[in-house]
Amino acid sequence: MQDEIRINREHKDRLFRRIFEKKEDLLSLYNALNESDYTDTDALEIYTMDSFVYMGMRNDLSFLIDMTLNIYEHQSTYNPNMPLRGFFYMSSAFQKYVALNKLDIYSSKMIPLPLPRYYIFYNGAREMPDESTLYLTDSMPGADAAEKSSAQFAAHMVNINAGHNNGIMKRCPKLLQYSLFIEEIRMNQKKGFSLKEAVEVAADSCIQKGILADILLGNKAEVTEMILQEYDENLHISNEKEISYQEGLEKGLEAGRREEQEKTRKEKQRADEANKRAEVFRLRLQGKSEEEISVLMNLSLENIQEILCDK
């Protein structure tokens, strides 16, 4: 049951998604990233892909605006495979776009497509620059993979830890508030609070300061559960990776043991065969007949004859 709770994240909301569930807040985040000034929330079309789940977790935010297809995802752990993950997401989003707009991909006329943009909002403990870009071809062999590959996809990582990307934070107050809330939680943990206590104390403090007050007021228990759930899943994934590593290591060691045992068996077999041949020839030199050697060594006459003939 616990594994079901951890894995079935399509049934759970995350705080990051909750903060930007309103169109005006999501539009503010988009404007902050692109230094644009859109104000018409009706121009923003939300794309939900609930049926598309990757590693038990759907993407956080998907939306279309001004022919730009945006997928935003929050990450608290660094993952160099995010371009591949985004590539899967975007493929699903494009399929939905084509279906919704009844586009004919077999037409002789080129169909218009939105520009794909994939952003990762990172607030993990690993030190990262304000912004960085990961490419799908980074995972491919060869220094010229980017030139030779038929597919290229970029994941734009934005560091939203406190003290990073001040320009974006100023342009998007909700993103700044989220950053400050997470920072409060971490500071409380450093003081010795359990994670649950750290979240609850941070929530009370942020409400007093007007940080995410509209979300935290009356929803403190739910927010706490969201963060505990996310922490639990990250821990679960880490444990699964460790278990997989240990299982792989054990399998490798077992395979190595079997290989060594087989090598030893073959070497013993070769040594026994050499000793047997040497004994056959020794007895033959003593004048023993083939029949006598067969009896003395408990070998068939045919076997003795084969050894004597194979000099």
C-alpha atoms as a PDB file:
ATOM      1  CA  MET A   1       0.000   0.000   0.000  1.00  0.00           C
ATOM      2  CA  GLN A   2       2.820   2.389   0.864  1.00  0.00           C
ATOM      3  CA  ASP A   3       4.413   1.786  -2.534  1.00  0.00           C
ATOM      4  CA  GLU A   4       1.111   2.661  -4.201  1.00  0.00           C
ATOM      5  CA  ILE A   5       1.026   5.943  -2.306  1.00  0.00           C
ATOM      6  CA  ARG A   6       4.564   6.700  -3.357  1.00  0.00           C
ATOM      7  CA  ILE A   7       4.255   5.743  -7.001  1.00  0.00           C
ATOM      8  CA  ASN A   8       0.774   6.872  -8.001  1.00  0.00           C
ATOM      9  CA  ARG A   9       1.675  10.539  -8.085  1.00  0.00           C
ATOM     10  CA  GLU A  10      -0.919  11.284 -10.782  1.00  0.00           C
ATOM     11  CA  HIS A  11      -3.412  11.323  -7.896  1.00  0.00           C
ATOM     12  CA  LYS A  12      -1.360  13.784  -5.876  1.00  0.00           C
ATOM     13  CA  ASP A  13      -0.825  17.481  -6.395  1.00  0.00           C
ATOM     14  CA  ARG A  14       2.502  19.120  -5.717  1.00  0.00           C
ATOM     15  CA  LEU A  15       2.994  22.469  -4.066  1.00  0.00           C
ATOM     16  CA  PHE A  16       4.721  23.980  -7.098  1.00  0.00           C
ATOM     17  CA  ARG A  17       1.785  23.085  -9.321  1.00  0.00           C
ATOM     18  CA  ARG A  18      -0.675  24.314  -6.705  1.00  0.00           C
ATOM     19  CA  ILE A  19       1.029  27.712  -6.504  1.00  0.00           C
ATOM     20  CA  PHE A  20       0.747  28.246 -10.250  1.00  0.00           C
ATOM     21  CA  GLU A  21      -2.631  26.645 -10.861  1.00  0.00           C
ATOM     22  CA  LYS A  22      -4.246  30.053 -11.422  1.00  0.00           C
ATOM     23  CA  LYS A  23      -3.772  31.425 -14.917  1.00  0.00           C
ATOM     24  CA  GLU A  24      -2.654  34.851 -13.712  1.00  0.00           C
ATOM     25  CA  ASP A  25       0.147  33.319 -11.623  1.00  0.00           C
ATOM     26  CA  LEU A  26       1.217  31.004 -14.433  1.00  0.00           C
ATOM     27  CA  LEU A  27       1.215  33.935 -16.855  1.00  0.00           C
ATOM     28  CA  SER A  28       3.366  35.875 -14.383  1.00  0.00           C
ATOM     29  CA  LEU A  29       5.875  33.011 -14.343  1.00  0.00           C
ATOM     30  CA  TYR A  30       5.918  32.885 -18.152  1.00  0.00           C
ATOM     31  CA  ASN A  31       6.447  36.652 -18.375  1.00  0.00           C
ATOM     32  CA  ALA A  32       9.247  36.486 -15.817  1.00  0.00           C
ATOM     33  CA  LEU A  33      11.127  33.853 -17.824  1.00  0.00           C
ATOM     34  CA  ASN A  34      10.630  35.496 -21.188  1.00  0.00           C
ATOM     35  CA  GLU A  35      10.700  39.152 -20.097  1.00  0.00           C
ATOM     36  CA  SER A  36       7.336  39.565 -21.777  1.00  0.00           C
ATOM     37  CA  ASP A  37       4.291  41.452 -20.586  1.00  0.00           C
ATOM     38  CA  TYR A  38       1.238  39.385 -21.473  1.00  0.00           C
ATOM     39  CA  THR A  39      -1.843  40.326 -19.451  1.00  0.00           C
ATOM     40  CA  ASP A  40      -4.646  38.437 -21.199  1.00  0.00           C
ATOM     41  CA  THR A  41      -5.040  35.141 -19.330  1.00  0.00           C
ATOM     42  CA  ASP A  42      -7.477  33.950 -22.006  1.00  0.00           C
ATOM     43  CA  ALA A  43      -4.524  33.766 -24.388  1.00  0.00           C
ATOM     44  CA  LEU A  44      -3.079  31.011 -22.223  1.00  0.00           C
ATOM     45  CA  GLU A  45      -4.386  27.519 -22.959  1.00  0.00           C
ATOM     46  CA  ILE A  46      -3.691  24.912 -20.283  1.00  0.00           C
ATOM     47  CA  TYR A  47      -2.581  21.498 -21.520  1.00  0.00           C
ATOM     48  CA  THR A  48      -3.231  18.662 -19.096  1.00  0.00           C
ATOM     49  CA  MET A  49      -1.649  15.313 -19.849  1.00  0.00           C
ATOM     50  CA  ASP A  50      -2.977  13.246 -16.961  1.00  0.00           C
ATOM     51  CA  SER A  51      -2.810  10.057 -18.989  1.00  0.00           C
ATOM     52  CA  PHE A  52       0.894  10.500 -19.615  1.00  0.00           C
ATOM     53  CA  VAL A  53       2.862   9.481 -16.549  1.00  0.00           C
ATOM     54  CA  TYR A  54       6.651   9.095 -16.500  1.00  0.00           C
ATOM     55  CA  MET A  55       8.289   7.296 -13.566  1.00  0.00           C
ATOM     56  CA  GLY A  56       5.034   7.705 -11.641  1.00  0.00           C
ATOM     57  CA  MET A  57       4.951  11.473 -12.012  1.00  0.00           C
ATOM     58  CA  ARG A  58       3.321  13.748 -14.568  1.00  0.00           C
ATOM     59  CA  ASN A  59       4.840  17.030 -15.610  1.00  0.00           C
ATOM     60  CA  ASP A  60       3.870  19.983 -13.418  1.00  0.00           C
ATOM     61  CA  LEU A  61       2.599  22.575 -15.883  1.00  0.00           C
ATOM     62  CA  SER A  62       1.828  22.429 -19.599  1.00  0.00           C
ATOM     63  CA  PHE A  63       0.342  25.296 -21.536  1.00  0.00           C
ATOM     64  CA  LEU A  64       0.179  26.962 -24.930  1.00  0.00           C
ATOM     65  CA  ILE A  65       0.550  30.700 -25.490  1.00  0.00           C
ATOM     66  CA  ASP A  66       1.332  32.664 -28.640  1.00  0.00           C
ATOM     67  CA  MET A  67       2.225  29.456 -30.527  1.00  0.00           C
ATOM     68  CA  THR A  68       4.702  28.445 -27.831  1.00  0.00           C
ATOM     69  CA  LEU A  69       4.144  25.063 -26.209  1.00  0.00           C
ATOM     70  CA  ASN A  70       5.562  25.259 -22.692  1.00  0.00           C
ATOM     71  CA  ILE A  71       6.221  22.460 -20.257  1.00  0.00           C
ATOM     72  CA  TYR A  72       7.404  23.455 -16.788  1.00  0.00           C
ATOM     73  CA  GLU A  73       8.653  21.004 -14.208  1.00  0.00           C
ATOM     74  CA  HIS A  74       9.921  21.413 -10.673  1.00  0.00           C
ATOM     75  CA  GLN A  75      12.861  19.289  -9.491  1.00  0.00           C
ATOM     76  CA  SER A  76      14.461  19.057  -6.063  1.00  0.00           C
ATOM     77  CA  THR A  77      17.147  16.614  -7.242  1.00  0.00           C
ATOM     78  CA  TYR A  78      19.578  17.056 -10.134  1.00  0.00           C
ATOM     79  CA  ASN A  79      18.875  14.683 -13.007  1.00  0.00           C
ATOM     80  CA  PRO A  80      21.048  14.733 -16.161  1.00  0.00           C
ATOM     81  CA  ASN A  81      18.363  12.740 -17.993  1.00  0.00           C
ATOM     82  CA  MET A  82      15.816  15.564 -17.937  1.00  0.00           C
ATOM     83  CA  PRO A  83      16.191  16.247 -21.693  1.00  0.00           C
ATOM     84  CA  LEU A  84      15.007  12.708 -22.423  1.00  0.00           C
ATOM     85  CA  ARG A  85      12.160  13.093 -19.969  1.00  0.00           C
ATOM     86  CA  GLY A  86      11.175  16.396 -21.564  1.00  0.00           C
ATOM     87  CA  PHE A  87      11.441  14.838 -25.002  1.00  0.00           C
ATOM     88  CA  PHE A  88       8.862  12.235 -23.964  1.00  0.00           C
ATOM     89  CA  TYR A  89       6.596  14.906 -22.490  1.00  0.00           C
ATOM     90  CA  MET A  90       6.820  17.108 -25.550  1.00  0.00           C
ATOM     91  CA  SER A  91       6.118  14.210 -27.888  1.00  0.00           C
ATOM     92  CA  SER A  92       2.943  13.487 -25.946  1.00  0.00           C
ATOM     93  CA  ALA A  93       1.999  17.176 -25.972  1.00  0.00           C
ATOM     94  CA  PHE A  94       2.463  17.434 -29.744  1.00  0.00           C
ATOM     95  CA  GLN A  95       0.332  14.350 -30.310  1.00  0.00           C
ATOM     96  CA  LYS A  96      -2.408  15.964 -28.252  1.00  0.00           C
ATOM     97  CA  TYR A  97      -1.998  19.261 -30.115  1.00  0.00           C
ATOM     98  CA  VAL A  98      -2.341  17.537 -33.498  1.00  0.00           C
ATOM     99  CA  ALA A  99      -5.406  15.593 -32.350  1.00  0.00           C
ATOM    100  CA  LEU A 100      -7.156  18.606 -30.773  1.00  0.00           C
ATOM    101  CA  ASN A 101      -6.607  20.753 -33.849  1.00  0.00           C
ATOM    102  CA  LYS A 102      -7.500  17.907 -36.251  1.00  0.00           C
ATOM    103  CA  LEU A 103      -4.267  18.362 -38.189  1.00  0.00           C
ATOM    104  CA  ASP A 104      -3.394  16.009 -41.033  1.00  0.00           C
ATOM    105  CA  ILE A 105       0.231  14.956 -40.700  1.00  0.00           C
ATOM    106  CA  TYR A 106      -0.010  13.149 -44.074  1.00  0.00           C
ATOM    107  CA  SER A 107      -1.010  16.315 -45.910  1.00  0.00           C
ATOM    108  CA  SER A 108       1.202  17.652 -48.696  1.00  0.00           C
ATOM    109  CA  LYS A 109       0.929  21.035 -46.998  1.00  0.00           C
ATOM    110  CA  MET A 110       3.179  21.795 -44.040  1.00  0.00           C
ATOM    111  CA  ILE A 111       1.178  22.047 -40.824  1.00  0.00           C
ATOM    112  CA  PRO A 112       2.028  24.861 -38.370  1.00  0.00           C
ATOM    113  CA  LEU A 113       3.420  23.740 -35.027  1.00  0.00           C
ATOM    114  CA  PRO A 114       4.062  25.664 -31.809  1.00  0.00           C
ATOM    115  CA  LEU A 115       7.583  26.276 -30.591  1.00  0.00           C
ATOM    116  CA  PRO A 116       8.455  23.780 -27.795  1.00  0.00           C
ATOM    117  CA  ARG A 117      10.006  25.124 -24.584  1.00  0.00           C
ATOM    118  CA  TYR A 118      10.909  22.864 -21.665  1.00  0.00           C
ATOM    119  CA  TYR A 119      11.917  24.438 -18.345  1.00  0.00           C
ATOM    120  CA  ILE A 120      13.066  22.804 -15.118  1.00  0.00           C
ATOM    121  CA  PHE A 121      12.757  24.815 -11.915  1.00  0.00           C
ATOM    122  CA  TYR A 122      15.478  23.419  -9.678  1.00  0.00           C
ATOM    123  CA  ASN A 123      15.720  23.949  -5.918  1.00  0.00           C
ATOM    124  CA  GLY A 124      17.872  21.033  -4.810  1.00  0.00           C
ATOM    125  CA  ALA A 125      20.829  21.138  -2.436  1.00  0.00           C
ATOM    126  CA  ARG A 126      23.428  20.622  -5.163  1.00  0.00           C
ATOM    127  CA  GLU A 127      25.205  23.849  -6.114  1.00  0.00           C
ATOM    128  CA  MET A 128      24.095  24.923  -9.585  1.00  0.00           C
ATOM    129  CA  PRO A 129      24.432  28.104 -11.666  1.00  0.00           C
ATOM    130  CA  ASP A 130      21.482  30.453 -12.104  1.00  0.00           C
ATOM    131  CA  GLU A 131      20.695  28.923 -15.476  1.00  0.00           C
ATOM    132  CA  SER A 132      22.015  25.992 -17.465  1.00  0.00           C
ATOM    133  CA  THR A 133      20.958  24.006 -20.500  1.00  0.00           C
ATOM    134  CA  LEU A 134      21.041  20.226 -20.821  1.00  0.00           C
ATOM    135  CA  TYR A 135      20.863  18.658 -24.273  1.00  0.00           C
ATOM    136  CA  LEU A 136      19.543  15.287 -25.353  1.00  0.00           C
ATOM    137  CA  THR A 137      22.691  14.694 -27.415  1.00  0.00           C
ATOM    138  CA  ASP A 138      24.803  15.035 -24.244  1.00  0.00           C
ATOM    139  CA  SER A 139      23.793  11.432 -23.535  1.00  0.00           C
ATOM    140  CA  MET A 140      24.864  10.185 -26.959  1.00  0.00           C
ATOM    141  CA  PRO A 141      28.314   8.843 -27.883  1.00  0.00           C
ATOM    142  CA  GLY A 142      30.739  10.886 -29.938  1.00  0.00           C
ATOM    143  CA  ALA A 143      31.846  14.501 -29.802  1.00  0.00           C
ATOM    144  CA  ASP A 144      29.885  15.178 -32.993  1.00  0.00           C
ATOM    145  CA  ALA A 145      26.566  13.740 -31.704  1.00  0.00           C
ATOM    146  CA  ALA A 146      24.896  17.163 -31.834  1.00  0.00           C
ATOM    147  CA  GLU A 147      25.755  17.497 -35.534  1.00  0.00           C
ATOM    148  CA  LYS A 148      24.925  13.925 -36.521  1.00  0.00           C
ATOM    149  CA  SER A 149      21.810  13.279 -34.451  1.00  0.00           C
ATOM    150  CA  SER A 150      18.447  13.532 -36.175  1.00  0.00           C
ATOM    151  CA  ALA A 151      16.923  14.619 -32.862  1.00  0.00           C
ATOM    152  CA  GLN A 152      17.986  17.388 -30.517  1.00  0.00           C
ATOM    153  CA  PHE A 153      16.110  18.575 -27.456  1.00  0.00           C
ATOM    154  CA  ALA A 154      17.048  21.071 -24.774  1.00  0.00           C
ATOM    155  CA  ALA A 155      16.043  21.256 -21.129  1.00  0.00           C
ATOM    156  CA  HIS A 156      16.485  24.744 -19.672  1.00  0.00           C
ATOM    157  CA  MET A 157      17.260  24.559 -15.966  1.00  0.00           C
ATOM    158  CA  VAL A 158      16.489  27.558 -13.780  1.00  0.00           C
ATOM    159  CA  ASN A 159      17.869  27.631 -10.237  1.00  0.00           C
ATOM    160  CA  ILE A 160      15.108  28.906  -7.932  1.00  0.00           C
ATOM    161  CA  ASN A 161      16.968  28.539  -4.659  1.00  0.00           C
ATOM    162  CA  ALA A 162      17.051  31.656  -2.496  1.00  0.00           C
ATOM    163  CA  GLY A 163      19.685  34.092  -3.752  1.00  0.00           C
ATOM    164  CA  HIS A 164      19.543  32.926  -7.372  1.00  0.00           C
ATOM    165  CA  ASN A 165      17.925  34.529 -10.414  1.00  0.00           C
ATOM    166  CA  ASN A 166      16.939  37.723  -8.633  1.00  0.00           C
ATOM    167  CA  GLY A 167      15.647  39.262 -11.865  1.00  0.00           C
ATOM    168  CA  ILE A 168      13.191  36.427 -12.501  1.00  0.00           C
ATOM    169  CA  MET A 169      12.181  36.390  -8.831  1.00  0.00           C
ATOM    170  CA  LYS A 170      11.348  40.107  -8.859  1.00  0.00           C
ATOM    171  CA  ARG A 171       9.225  39.688 -11.966  1.00  0.00           C
ATOM    172  CA  CYS A 172       7.338  36.714 -10.458  1.00  0.00           C
ATOM    173  CA  PRO A 173       6.442  37.300  -6.776  1.00  0.00           C
ATOM    174  CA  LYS A 174       4.914  33.833  -6.322  1.00  0.00           C
ATOM    175  CA  LEU A 175       8.151  32.160  -7.429  1.00  0.00           C
ATOM    176  CA  LEU A 176      10.110  34.304  -4.967  1.00  0.00           C
ATOM    177  CA  GLN A 177       7.704  33.411  -2.169  1.00  0.00           C
ATOM    178  CA  TYR A 178       7.997  29.702  -2.950  1.00  0.00           C
ATOM    179  CA  SER A 179      11.787  30.030  -2.827  1.00  0.00           C
ATOM    180  CA  LEU A 180      11.641  31.785   0.557  1.00  0.00           C
ATOM    181  CA  PHE A 181       9.250  29.181   1.965  1.00  0.00           C
ATOM    182  CA  ILE A 182      11.550  26.307   0.982  1.00  0.00           C
ATOM    183  CA  GLU A 183      14.525  28.199   2.424  1.00  0.00           C
ATOM    184  CA  GLU A 184      12.667  28.581   5.745  1.00  0.00           C
ATOM    185  CA  ILE A 185      12.034  24.836   5.842  1.00  0.00           C
ATOM    186  CA  ARG A 186      15.723  24.092   5.290  1.00  0.00           C
ATOM    187  CA  MET A 187      16.794  26.544   7.960  1.00  0.00           C
ATOM    188  CA  ASN A 188      14.412  24.876  10.420  1.00  0.00           C
ATOM    189  CA  GLN A 189      15.842  21.460   9.574  1.00  0.00           C
ATOM    190  CA  LYS A 190      19.334  22.777  10.291  1.00  0.00           C
ATOM    191  CA  LYS A 191      18.036  23.816  13.716  1.00  0.00           C
ATOM    192  CA  GLY A 192      17.167  20.191  14.428  1.00  0.00           C
ATOM    193  CA  PHE A 193      13.472  20.106  13.553  1.00  0.00           C
ATOM    194  CA  SER A 194      12.046  17.020  11.899  1.00  0.00           C
ATOM    195  CA  LEU A 195      10.850  17.608   8.337  1.00  0.00           C
ATOM    196  CA  LYS A 196       7.214  17.738   9.434  1.00  0.00           C
ATOM    197  CA  GLU A 197       7.990  20.205  12.218  1.00  0.00           C
ATOM    198  CA  ALA A 198      10.199  22.257   9.895  1.00  0.00           C
ATOM    199  CA  VAL A 199       7.361  22.608   7.375  1.00  0.00           C
ATOM    200  CA  GLU A 200       4.762  23.499   9.992  1.00  0.00           C
ATOM    201  CA  VAL A 201       6.977  26.120  11.675  1.00  0.00           C
ATOM    202  CA  ALA A 202       7.927  27.570   8.276  1.00  0.00           C
ATOM    203  CA  ALA A 203       4.264  27.752   7.287  1.00  0.00           C
ATOM    204  CA  ASP A 204       3.360  29.711  10.444  1.00  0.00           C
ATOM    205  CA  SER A 205       6.300  32.062   9.960  1.00  0.00           C
ATOM    206  CA  CYS A 206       5.544  32.662   6.276  1.00  0.00           C
ATOM    207  CA  ILE A 207       1.874  33.357   6.978  1.00  0.00           C
ATOM    208  CA  GLN A 208       2.917  36.089   9.405  1.00  0.00           C
ATOM    209  CA  LYS A 209       5.258  37.539   6.767  1.00  0.00           C
ATOM    210  CA  GLY A 210       2.680  37.344   3.996  1.00  0.00           C
ATOM    211  CA  ILE A 211       4.636  34.676   2.103  1.00  0.00           C
ATOM    212  CA  LEU A 212       2.271  32.307   0.240  1.00  0.00           C
ATOM    213  CA  ALA A 213      -0.315  33.295   2.832  1.00  0.00           C
ATOM    214  CA  ASP A 214      -3.192  32.781   0.385  1.00  0.00           C
ATOM    215  CA  ILE A 215      -2.182  29.127   0.022  1.00  0.00           C
ATOM    216  CA  LEU A 216      -0.917  28.373   3.520  1.00  0.00           C
ATOM    217  CA  LEU A 217      -3.861  29.871   5.384  1.00  0.00           C
ATOM    218  CA  GLY A 218      -6.305  27.053   5.991  1.00  0.00           C
ATOM    219  CA  ASN A 219      -4.190  24.584   3.992  1.00  0.00           C
ATOM    220  CA  LYS A 220      -1.155  24.095   6.217  1.00  0.00           C
ATOM    221  CA  ALA A 221      -1.850  20.388   6.766  1.00  0.00           C
ATOM    222  CA  GLU A 222      -2.311  19.788   3.041  1.00  0.00           C
ATOM    223  CA  VAL A 223       0.878  21.693   2.156  1.00  0.00           C
ATOM    224  CA  THR A 224       2.778  19.724   4.794  1.00  0.00           C
ATOM    225  CA  GLU A 225       1.492  16.474   3.298  1.00  0.00           C
ATOM    226  CA  MET A 226       2.529  17.603  -0.193  1.00  0.00           C
ATOM    227  CA  ILE A 227       6.102  18.273   0.898  1.00  0.00           C
ATOM    228  CA  LEU A 228       6.334  15.098   2.974  1.00  0.00           C
ATOM    229  CA  GLN A 229       4.999  13.139  -0.010  1.00  0.00           C
ATOM    230  CA  GLU A 230       7.561  14.661  -2.348  1.00  0.00           C
ATOM    231  CA  TYR A 231      10.374  14.047   0.135  1.00  0.00           C
ATOM    232  CA  ASP A 232       9.164  10.473   0.606  1.00  0.00           C
ATOM    233  CA  GLU A 233       9.133   9.849  -3.123  1.00  0.00           C
ATOM    234  CA  ASN A 234      12.624  11.265  -3.596  1.00  0.00           C
ATOM    235  CA  LEU A 235      13.817   9.022  -0.774  1.00  0.00           C
ATOM    236  CA  HIS A 236      11.965   6.085  -2.303  1.00  0.00           C
ATOM    237  CA  ILE A 237      13.553   6.652  -5.725  1.00  0.00           C
ATOM    238  CA  SER A 238      16.991   6.981  -4.104  1.00  0.00           C
ATOM    239  CA  ASN A 239      16.424   3.742  -2.179  1.00  0.00           C
ATOM    240  CA  GLU A 240      15.253   1.980  -5.334  1.00  0.00           C
ATOM    241  CA  LYS A 241      18.393   3.140  -7.144  1.00  0.00           C
ATOM    242  CA  GLU A 242      20.534   1.870  -4.260  1.00  0.00           C
ATOM    243  CA  ILE A 243      18.668  -1.452  -4.222  1.00  0.00           C
ATOM    244  CA  SER A 244      19.082  -1.787  -7.992  1.00  0.00           C
ATOM    245  CA  TYR A 245      22.780  -0.983  -7.664  1.00  0.00           C
ATOM    246  CA  GLN A 246      23.260  -3.539  -4.902  1.00  0.00           C
ATOM    247  CA  GLU A 247      21.303  -6.165  -6.834  1.00  0.00           C
ATOM    248  CA  GLY A 248      23.379  -5.449  -9.908  1.00  0.00           C
ATOM    249  CA  LEU A 249      26.565  -5.634  -7.865  1.00  0.00           C
ATOM    250  CA  GLU A 250      25.508  -8.930  -6.305  1.00  0.00           C
ATOM    251  CA  LYS A 251      24.562 -10.332  -9.703  1.00  0.00           C
ATOM    252  CA  GLY A 252      27.913  -9.222 -11.056  1.00  0.00           C
ATOM    253  CA  LEU A 253      29.745 -10.832  -8.156  1.00  0.00           C
ATOM    254  CA  GLU A 254      27.706 -14.017  -8.530  1.00  0.00           C
ATOM    255  CA  ALA A 255      28.421 -14.082 -12.262  1.00  0.00           C
ATOM    256  CA  GLY A 256      32.092 -13.553 -11.475  1.00  0.00           C
ATOM    257  CA  ARG A 257      32.027 -16.416  -8.977  1.00  0.00           C
ATOM    258  CA  ARG A 258      30.344 -18.701 -11.495  1.00  0.00           C
ATOM    259  CA  GLU A 259      32.860 -17.726 -14.155  1.00  0.00           C
ATOM    260  CA  GLU A 260      35.758 -18.406 -11.782  1.00  0.00           C
ATOM    261  CA  GLN A 261      34.246 -21.739 -10.751  1.00  0.00           C
ATOM    262  CA  GLU A 262      33.805 -22.739 -14.379  1.00  0.00           C
ATOM    263  CA  LYS A 263      37.386 -21.707 -15.138  1.00  0.00           C
ATOM    264  CA  THR A 264      38.658 -23.778 -12.178  1.00  0.00           C
ATOM    265  CA  ARG A 265      36.531 -26.752 -13.259  1.00  0.00           C
ATOM    266  CA  LYS A 266      37.927 -26.635 -16.792  1.00  0.00           C
ATOM    267  CA  GLU A 267      41.505 -26.313 -15.559  1.00  0.00           C
ATOM    268  CA  LYS A 268      41.017 -29.334 -13.260  1.00  0.00           C
ATOM    269  CA  GLN A 269      39.465 -31.252 -16.119  1.00  0.00           C
ATOM    270  CA  ARG A 270      42.473 -30.477 -18.341  1.00  0.00           C
ATOM    271  CA  ALA A 271      44.888 -31.465 -15.559  1.00  0.00           C
ATOM    272  CA  ASP A 272      43.034 -34.757 -14.923  1.00  0.00           C
ATOM    273  CA  GLU A 273      43.055 -35.512 -18.636  1.00  0.00           C
ATOM    274  CA  ALA A 274      46.810 -34.838 -18.861  1.00  0.00           C
ATOM    275  CA  ASN A 275      47.500 -37.062 -15.833  1.00  0.00           C
ATOM    276  CA  LYS A 276      45.341 -39.817 -17.290  1.00  0.00           C
ATOM    277  CA  ARG A 277      47.212 -39.722 -20.623  1.00  0.00           C
ATOM    278  CA  ALA A 278      50.559 -39.705 -18.846  1.00  0.00           C
ATOM    279  CA  GLU A 279      49.561 -42.773 -16.775  1.00  0.00           C
ATOM    280  CA  VAL A 280      48.346 -44.646 -19.866  1.00  0.00           C
ATOM    281  CA  PHE A 281      51.681 -44.086 -21.627  1.00  0.00           C
ATOM    282  CA  ARG A 282      53.645 -44.967 -18.474  1.00  0.00           C
ATOM    283  CA  LEU A 283      51.858 -48.316 -18.171  1.00  0.00           C
ATOM    284  CA  ARG A 284      52.301 -48.964 -21.883  1.00  0.00           C
ATOM    285  CA  LEU A 285      56.036 -48.351 -21.577  1.00  0.00           C
ATOM    286  CA  GLN A 286      56.105 -50.923 -18.768  1.00  0.00           C
ATOM    287  CA  GLY A 287      54.845 -53.455 -21.268  1.00  0.00           C
ATOM    288  CA  LYS A 288      51.225 -53.584 -20.211  1.00  0.00           C
ATOM    289  CA  SER A 289      48.734 -54.503 -22.895  1.00  0.00           C
ATOM    290  CA  GLU A 290      45.842 -52.252 -23.848  1.00  0.00           C
ATOM    291  CA  GLU A 291      43.432 -54.664 -22.134  1.00  0.00           C
ATOM    292  CA  GLU A 292      45.497 -54.651 -18.911  1.00  0.00           C
ATOM    293  CA  ILE A 293      45.685 -50.816 -18.891  1.00  0.00           C
ATOM    294  CA  SER A 294      41.920 -50.664 -19.397  1.00  0.00           C
ATOM    295  CA  VAL A 295      41.358 -52.813 -16.305  1.00  0.00           C
ATOM    296  CA  LEU A 296      43.979 -51.042 -14.163  1.00  0.00           C
ATOM    297  CA  MET A 297      42.657 -47.541 -14.955  1.00  0.00           C
ATOM    298  CA  ASN A 298      38.975 -48.463 -15.106  1.00  0.00           C
ATOM    299  CA  LEU A 299      38.709 -47.016 -18.619  1.00  0.00           C
ATOM    300  CA  SER A 300      37.121 -48.465 -21.714  1.00  0.00           C
ATOM    301  CA  LEU A 301      39.369 -50.170 -24.221  1.00  0.00           C
ATOM    302  CA  GLU A 302      38.237 -47.688 -26.857  1.00  0.00           C
ATOM    303  CA  ASN A 303      39.334 -44.795 -24.599  1.00  0.00           C
ATOM    304  CA  ILE A 304      42.782 -46.373 -24.084  1.00  0.00           C
ATOM    305  CA  GLN A 305      43.197 -46.888 -27.817  1.00  0.00           C
ATOM    306  CA  GLU A 306      42.181 -43.271 -28.546  1.00  0.00           C
ATOM    307  CA  ILE A 307      44.789 -41.964 -26.081  1.00  0.00           C
ATOM    308  CA  LEU A 308      47.541 -44.176 -27.474  1.00  0.00           C
ATOM    309  CA  CYS A 309      46.703 -43.261 -31.067  1.00  0.00           C
ATOM    310  CA  ASP A 310      46.547 -39.509 -30.294  1.00  0.00           C
ATOM    311  CA  LYS A 311      50.203 -38.787 -29.632  1.00  0.00           C
END
